[in-house]
Amino acid sequence: MTLQEIRKLSTVDLTKESTKIRTEIAELKRRLVLGEVTNVRVVRNKRKELARVLTVLGEQLAKENA
């Protein structure tokens, strides 16, 4: 998901997206331990995507409260 796509989402959609990404990260970590996934970069990319979503969510919440 690109930054432009993330910025178009509402705060409700961003919170849903963040919880979805968190569950994906947990699932990927579990699969890494079991050896089903060998590419550790996937987890890193998901964490970066989560950081982008949370950053935009924080910006939007700051705008709403200001």
PDB file of N, CA and C in Angstrom:
ATOM      1  N   MET A   1       0.843  -1.165   0.000  1.00  0.00           N
ATOM      2  CA  MET A   1       0.000   0.000   0.000  1.00  0.00           C
ATOM      3  C   MET A   1       0.896   1.237   0.000  1.00  0.00           C
ATOM      4  N   THR A   2       0.641   2.142  -0.922  1.00  0.00           N
ATOM      5  CA  THR A   2       1.470   3.328  -1.019  1.00  0.00           C
ATOM      6  C   THR A   2       0.980   4.405  -0.060  1.00  0.00           C
ATOM      7  N   LEU A   3       1.801   5.407   0.135  1.00  0.00           N
ATOM      8  CA  LEU A   3       1.458   6.479   1.059  1.00  0.00           C
ATOM      9  C   LEU A   3       0.232   7.256   0.578  1.00  0.00           C
ATOM     10  N   GLN A   4       0.094   7.431  -0.727  1.00  0.00           N
ATOM     11  CA  GLN A   4      -1.066   8.139  -1.263  1.00  0.00           C
ATOM     12  C   GLN A   4      -2.355   7.367  -0.965  1.00  0.00           C
ATOM     13  N   GLU A   5      -2.299   6.052  -1.082  1.00  0.00           N
ATOM     14  CA  GLU A   5      -3.477   5.236  -0.789  1.00  0.00           C
ATOM     15  C   GLU A   5      -3.818   5.299   0.691  1.00  0.00           C
ATOM     16  N   ILE A   6      -2.792   5.322   1.531  1.00  0.00           N
ATOM     17  CA  ILE A   6      -3.012   5.373   2.973  1.00  0.00           C
ATOM     18  C   ILE A   6      -3.642   6.704   3.360  1.00  0.00           C
ATOM     19  N   ARG A   7      -3.179   7.797   2.772  1.00  0.00           N
ATOM     20  CA  ARG A   7      -3.695   9.132   3.116  1.00  0.00           C
ATOM     21  C   ARG A   7      -5.159   9.305   2.710  1.00  0.00           C
ATOM     22  N   LYS A   8      -5.638   8.533   1.741  1.00  0.00           N
ATOM     23  CA  LYS A   8      -7.024   8.639   1.299  1.00  0.00           C
ATOM     24  C   LYS A   8      -7.997   7.962   2.263  1.00  0.00           C
ATOM     25  N   LEU A   9      -7.499   7.099   3.153  1.00  0.00           N
ATOM     26  CA  LEU A   9      -8.366   6.355   4.059  1.00  0.00           C
ATOM     27  C   LEU A   9      -8.822   7.226   5.229  1.00  0.00           C
ATOM     28  N   SER A  10      -9.983   6.897   5.764  1.00  0.00           N
ATOM     29  CA  SER A  10     -10.484   7.603   6.935  1.00  0.00           C
ATOM     30  C   SER A  10      -9.831   7.032   8.196  1.00  0.00           C
ATOM     31  N   THR A  11     -10.075   7.678   9.328  1.00  0.00           N
ATOM     32  CA  THR A  11      -9.461   7.220  10.575  1.00  0.00           C
ATOM     33  C   THR A  11      -9.973   5.837  10.961  1.00  0.00           C
ATOM     34  N   VAL A  12     -11.240   5.561  10.697  1.00  0.00           N
ATOM     35  CA  VAL A  12     -11.801   4.241  11.012  1.00  0.00           C
ATOM     36  C   VAL A  12     -11.140   3.173  10.150  1.00  0.00           C
ATOM     37  N   ASP A  13     -10.976   3.469   8.875  1.00  0.00           N
ATOM     38  CA  ASP A  13     -10.328   2.517   7.972  1.00  0.00           C
ATOM     39  C   ASP A  13      -8.862   2.301   8.357  1.00  0.00           C
ATOM     40  N   LEU A  14      -8.210   3.364   8.811  1.00  0.00           N
ATOM     41  CA  LEU A  14      -6.808   3.241   9.207  1.00  0.00           C
ATOM     42  C   LEU A  14      -6.655   2.364  10.444  1.00  0.00           C
ATOM     43  N   THR A  15      -7.576   2.487  11.387  1.00  0.00           N
ATOM     44  CA  THR A  15      -7.480   1.639  12.575  1.00  0.00           C
ATOM     45  C   THR A  15      -7.733   0.179  12.211  1.00  0.00           C
ATOM     46  N   LYS A  16      -8.679  -0.062  11.313  1.00  0.00           N
ATOM     47  CA  LYS A  16      -8.931  -1.429  10.851  1.00  0.00           C
ATOM     48  C   LYS A  16      -7.714  -1.983  10.126  1.00  0.00           C
ATOM     49  N   GLU A  17      -7.105  -1.149   9.293  1.00  0.00           N
ATOM     50  CA  GLU A  17      -5.927  -1.570   8.540  1.00  0.00           C
ATOM     51  C   GLU A  17      -4.758  -1.880   9.484  1.00  0.00           C
ATOM     52  N   SER A  18      -4.607  -1.068  10.527  1.00  0.00           N
ATOM     53  CA  SER A  18      -3.499  -1.311  11.459  1.00  0.00           C
ATOM     54  C   SER A  18      -3.689  -2.626  12.210  1.00  0.00           C
ATOM     55  N   THR A  19      -4.911  -2.933  12.609  1.00  0.00           N
ATOM     56  CA  THR A  19      -5.134  -4.210  13.298  1.00  0.00           C
ATOM     57  C   THR A  19      -4.929  -5.388  12.344  1.00  0.00           C
ATOM     58  N   LYS A  20      -5.305  -5.199  11.083  1.00  0.00           N
ATOM     59  CA  LYS A  20      -5.106  -6.260  10.093  1.00  0.00           C
ATOM     60  C   LYS A  20      -3.618  -6.516   9.873  1.00  0.00           C
ATOM     61  N   ILE A  21      -2.845  -5.446   9.776  1.00  0.00           N
ATOM     62  CA  ILE A  21      -1.406  -5.595   9.564  1.00  0.00           C
ATOM     63  C   ILE A  21      -0.756  -6.238  10.785  1.00  0.00           C
ATOM     64  N   ARG A  22      -1.213  -5.868  11.991  1.00  0.00           N
ATOM     65  CA  ARG A  22      -0.657  -6.464  13.206  1.00  0.00           C
ATOM     66  C   ARG A  22      -0.885  -7.977  13.238  1.00  0.00           C
ATOM     67  N   THR A  23      -2.077  -8.415  12.827  1.00  0.00           N
ATOM     68  CA  THR A  23      -2.331  -9.854  12.808  1.00  0.00           C
ATOM     69  C   THR A  23      -1.495 -10.551  11.736  1.00  0.00           C
ATOM     70  N   GLU A  24      -1.287  -9.869  10.592  1.00  0.00           N
ATOM     71  CA  GLU A  24      -0.444 -10.439   9.545  1.00  0.00           C
ATOM     72  C   GLU A  24       0.995 -10.595  10.037  1.00  0.00           C
ATOM     73  N   ILE A  25       1.487  -9.602  10.777  1.00  0.00           N
ATOM     74  CA  ILE A  25       2.848  -9.675  11.304  1.00  0.00           C
ATOM     75  C   ILE A  25       2.964 -10.841  12.281  1.00  0.00           C
ATOM     76  N   ALA A  26       1.968 -10.993  13.157  1.00  0.00           N
ATOM     77  CA  ALA A  26       2.000 -12.100  14.120  1.00  0.00           C
ATOM     78  C   ALA A  26       1.986 -13.443  13.396  1.00  0.00           C
ATOM     79  N   GLU A  27       1.181 -13.555  12.358  1.00  0.00           N
ATOM     80  CA  GLU A  27       1.111 -14.799  11.589  1.00  0.00           C
ATOM     81  C   GLU A  27       2.434 -15.072  10.877  1.00  0.00           C
ATOM     82  N   LEU A  28       3.034 -14.034  10.313  1.00  0.00           N
ATOM     83  CA  LEU A  28       4.316 -14.211   9.636  1.00  0.00           C
ATOM     84  C   LEU A  28       5.411 -14.636  10.611  1.00  0.00           C
ATOM     85  N   LYS A  29       5.410 -14.055  11.801  1.00  0.00           N
ATOM     86  CA  LYS A  29       6.402 -14.439  12.804  1.00  0.00           C
ATOM     87  C   LYS A  29       6.220 -15.900  13.211  1.00  0.00           C
ATOM     88  N   ARG A  30       4.969 -16.328  13.361  1.00  0.00           N
ATOM     89  CA  ARG A  30       4.697 -17.720  13.703  1.00  0.00           C
ATOM     90  C   ARG A  30       5.199 -18.648  12.600  1.00  0.00           C
ATOM     91  N   ARG A  31       4.925 -18.272  11.358  1.00  0.00           N
ATOM     92  CA  ARG A  31       5.356 -19.095  10.232  1.00  0.00           C
ATOM     93  C   ARG A  31       6.865 -19.107  10.086  1.00  0.00           C
ATOM     94  N   LEU A  32       7.534 -18.013  10.479  1.00  0.00           N
ATOM     95  CA  LEU A  32       8.993 -17.983  10.455  1.00  0.00           C
ATOM     96  C   LEU A  32       9.575 -18.980  11.442  1.00  0.00           C
ATOM     97  N   VAL A  33       8.981 -19.036  12.636  1.00  0.00           N
ATOM     98  CA  VAL A  33       9.468 -19.960  13.656  1.00  0.00           C
ATOM     99  C   VAL A  33       9.290 -21.400  13.201  1.00  0.00           C
ATOM    100  N   LEU A  34       8.180 -21.671  12.553  1.00  0.00           N
ATOM    101  CA  LEU A  34       7.917 -23.025  12.077  1.00  0.00           C
ATOM    102  C   LEU A  34       8.716 -23.375  10.824  1.00  0.00           C
ATOM    103  N   GLY A  35       9.303 -22.379  10.194  1.00  0.00           N
ATOM    104  CA  GLY A  35      10.109 -22.629   9.010  1.00  0.00           C
ATOM    105  C   GLY A  35       9.331 -22.625   7.719  1.00  0.00           C
ATOM    106  N   GLU A  36       8.075 -22.190   7.757  1.00  0.00           N
ATOM    107  CA  GLU A  36       7.264 -22.151   6.541  1.00  0.00           C
ATOM    108  C   GLU A  36       7.655 -20.984   5.642  1.00  0.00           C
ATOM    109  N   VAL A  37       8.163 -19.914   6.254  1.00  0.00           N
ATOM    110  CA  VAL A  37       8.587 -18.731   5.511  1.00  0.00           C
ATOM    111  C   VAL A  37      10.081 -18.570   5.719  1.00  0.00           C
ATOM    112  N   THR A  38      10.810 -18.389   4.636  1.00  0.00           N
ATOM    113  CA  THR A  38      12.250 -18.221   4.769  1.00  0.00           C
ATOM    114  C   THR A  38      12.685 -16.779   4.548  1.00  0.00           C
ATOM    115  N   ASN A  39      11.823 -15.956   3.973  1.00  0.00           N
ATOM    116  CA  ASN A  39      12.169 -14.574   3.675  1.00  0.00           C
ATOM    117  C   ASN A  39      11.806 -13.680   4.862  1.00  0.00           C
ATOM    118  N   VAL A  40      12.797 -13.292   5.649  1.00  0.00           N
ATOM    119  CA  VAL A  40      12.536 -12.457   6.822  1.00  0.00           C
ATOM    120  C   VAL A  40      12.232 -11.016   6.437  1.00  0.00           C
ATOM    121  N   ARG A  41      12.546 -10.639   5.226  1.00  0.00           N
ATOM    122  CA  ARG A  41      12.288  -9.265   4.769  1.00  0.00           C
ATOM    123  C   ARG A  41      10.792  -8.963   4.700  1.00  0.00           C
ATOM    124  N   VAL A  42       9.973  -9.970   4.558  1.00  0.00           N
ATOM    125  CA  VAL A  42       8.527  -9.770   4.501  1.00  0.00           C
ATOM    126  C   VAL A  42       8.029  -9.150   5.805  1.00  0.00           C
ATOM    127  N   VAL A  43       8.540  -9.632   6.923  1.00  0.00           N
ATOM    128  CA  VAL A  43       8.132  -9.097   8.221  1.00  0.00           C
ATOM    129  C   VAL A  43       8.578  -7.646   8.348  1.00  0.00           C
ATOM    130  N   ARG A  44       9.782  -7.367   7.900  1.00  0.00           N
ATOM    131  CA  ARG A  44      10.303  -5.998   7.965  1.00  0.00           C
ATOM    132  C   ARG A  44       9.443  -5.044   7.149  1.00  0.00           C
ATOM    133  N   ASN A  45       9.042  -5.472   5.956  1.00  0.00           N
ATOM    134  CA  ASN A  45       8.209  -4.632   5.102  1.00  0.00           C
ATOM    135  C   ASN A  45       6.833  -4.394   5.725  1.00  0.00           C
ATOM    136  N   LYS A  46       6.280  -5.420   6.363  1.00  0.00           N
ATOM    137  CA  LYS A  46       4.980  -5.257   7.020  1.00  0.00           C
ATOM    138  C   LYS A  46       5.075  -4.273   8.183  1.00  0.00           C
ATOM    139  N   ARG A  47       6.186  -4.344   8.929  1.00  0.00           N
ATOM    140  CA  ARG A  47       6.366  -3.422  10.048  1.00  0.00           C
ATOM    141  C   ARG A  47       6.482  -1.984   9.557  1.00  0.00           C
ATOM    142  N   LYS A  48       7.148  -1.789   8.425  1.00  0.00           N
ATOM    143  CA  LYS A  48       7.271  -0.453   7.843  1.00  0.00           C
ATOM    144  C   LYS A  48       5.911   0.053   7.371  1.00  0.00           C
ATOM    145  N   GLU A  49       5.121  -0.842   6.800  1.00  0.00           N
ATOM    146  CA  GLU A  49       3.782  -0.467   6.354  1.00  0.00           C
ATOM    147  C   GLU A  49       2.915  -0.079   7.554  1.00  0.00           C
ATOM    148  N   LEU A  50       3.045  -0.827   8.646  1.00  0.00           N
ATOM    149  CA  LEU A  50       2.308  -0.497   9.867  1.00  0.00           C
ATOM    150  C   LEU A  50       2.728   0.875  10.384  1.00  0.00           C
ATOM    151  N   ALA A  51       4.006   1.177  10.342  1.00  0.00           N
ATOM    152  CA  ALA A  51       4.491   2.479  10.799  1.00  0.00           C
ATOM    153  C   ALA A  51       3.918   3.606   9.947  1.00  0.00           C
ATOM    154  N   ARG A  52       3.809   3.390   8.653  1.00  0.00           N
ATOM    155  CA  ARG A  52       3.217   4.404   7.773  1.00  0.00           C
ATOM    156  C   ARG A  52       1.759   4.653   8.137  1.00  0.00           C
ATOM    157  N   VAL A  53       1.022   3.560   8.343  1.00  0.00           N
ATOM    158  CA  VAL A  53      -0.405   3.686   8.681  1.00  0.00           C
ATOM    159  C   VAL A  53      -0.563   4.420  10.006  1.00  0.00           C
ATOM    160  N   LEU A  54       0.237   4.065  10.995  1.00  0.00           N
ATOM    161  CA  LEU A  54       0.118   4.700  12.307  1.00  0.00           C
ATOM    162  C   LEU A  54       0.529   6.167  12.258  1.00  0.00           C
ATOM    163  N   THR A  55       1.493   6.511  11.427  1.00  0.00           N
ATOM    164  CA  THR A  55       1.904   7.904  11.284  1.00  0.00           C
ATOM    165  C   THR A  55       0.786   8.744  10.693  1.00  0.00           C
ATOM    166  N   VAL A  56       0.174   8.259   9.632  1.00  0.00           N
ATOM    167  CA  VAL A  56      -0.917   8.987   8.991  1.00  0.00           C
ATOM    168  C   VAL A  56      -2.115   9.073   9.937  1.00  0.00           C
ATOM    169  N   LEU A  57      -2.373   8.003  10.677  1.00  0.00           N
ATOM    170  CA  LEU A  57      -3.469   8.007  11.637  1.00  0.00           C
ATOM    171  C   LEU A  57      -3.232   9.074  12.707  1.00  0.00           C
ATOM    172  N   GLY A  58      -2.021   9.165  13.197  1.00  0.00           N
ATOM    173  CA  GLY A  58      -1.694  10.198  14.187  1.00  0.00           C
ATOM    174  C   GLY A  58      -1.847  11.593  13.631  1.00  0.00           C
ATOM    175  N   GLU A  59      -1.445  11.795  12.392  1.00  0.00           N
ATOM    176  CA  GLU A  59      -1.605  13.102  11.753  1.00  0.00           C
ATOM    177  C   GLU A  59      -3.077  13.474  11.629  1.00  0.00           C
ATOM    178  N   GLN A  60      -3.899  12.519  11.208  1.00  0.00           N
ATOM    179  CA  GLN A  60      -5.321  12.799  11.040  1.00  0.00           C
ATOM    180  C   GLN A  60      -5.992  13.080  12.369  1.00  0.00           C
ATOM    181  N   LEU A  61      -5.628  12.347  13.409  1.00  0.00           N
ATOM    182  CA  LEU A  61      -6.216  12.590  14.725  1.00  0.00           C
ATOM    183  C   LEU A  61      -5.795  13.931  15.279  1.00  0.00           C
ATOM    184  N   ALA A  62      -4.559  14.358  14.999  1.00  0.00           N
ATOM    185  CA  ALA A  62      -4.096  15.671  15.444  1.00  0.00           C
ATOM    186  C   ALA A  62      -4.861  16.780  14.734  1.00  0.00           C
ATOM    187  N   LYS A  63      -5.170  16.584  13.449  1.00  0.00           N
ATOM    188  CA  LYS A  63      -5.939  17.576  12.701  1.00  0.00           C
ATOM    189  C   LYS A  63      -7.358  17.701  13.268  1.00  0.00           C
ATOM    190  N   GLU A  64      -7.961  16.548  13.601  1.00  0.00           N
ATOM    191  CA  GLU A  64      -9.333  16.555  14.100  1.00  0.00           C
ATOM    192  C   GLU A  64      -9.426  17.233  15.455  1.00  0.00           C
ATOM    193  N   ASN A  65      -8.410  17.071  16.297  1.00  0.00           N
ATOM    194  CA  ASN A  65      -8.445  17.648  17.632  1.00  0.00           C
ATOM    195  C   ASN A  65      -8.008  19.109  17.651  1.00  0.00           C
ATOM    196  N   ALA A  66      -7.382  19.585  16.597  1.00  0.00           N
ATOM    197  CA  ALA A  66      -6.888  20.967  16.580  1.00  0.00           C
ATOM    198  C   ALA A  66      -7.966  21.945  16.202  1.00  0.00           C
TER     199      ALA A  66
END
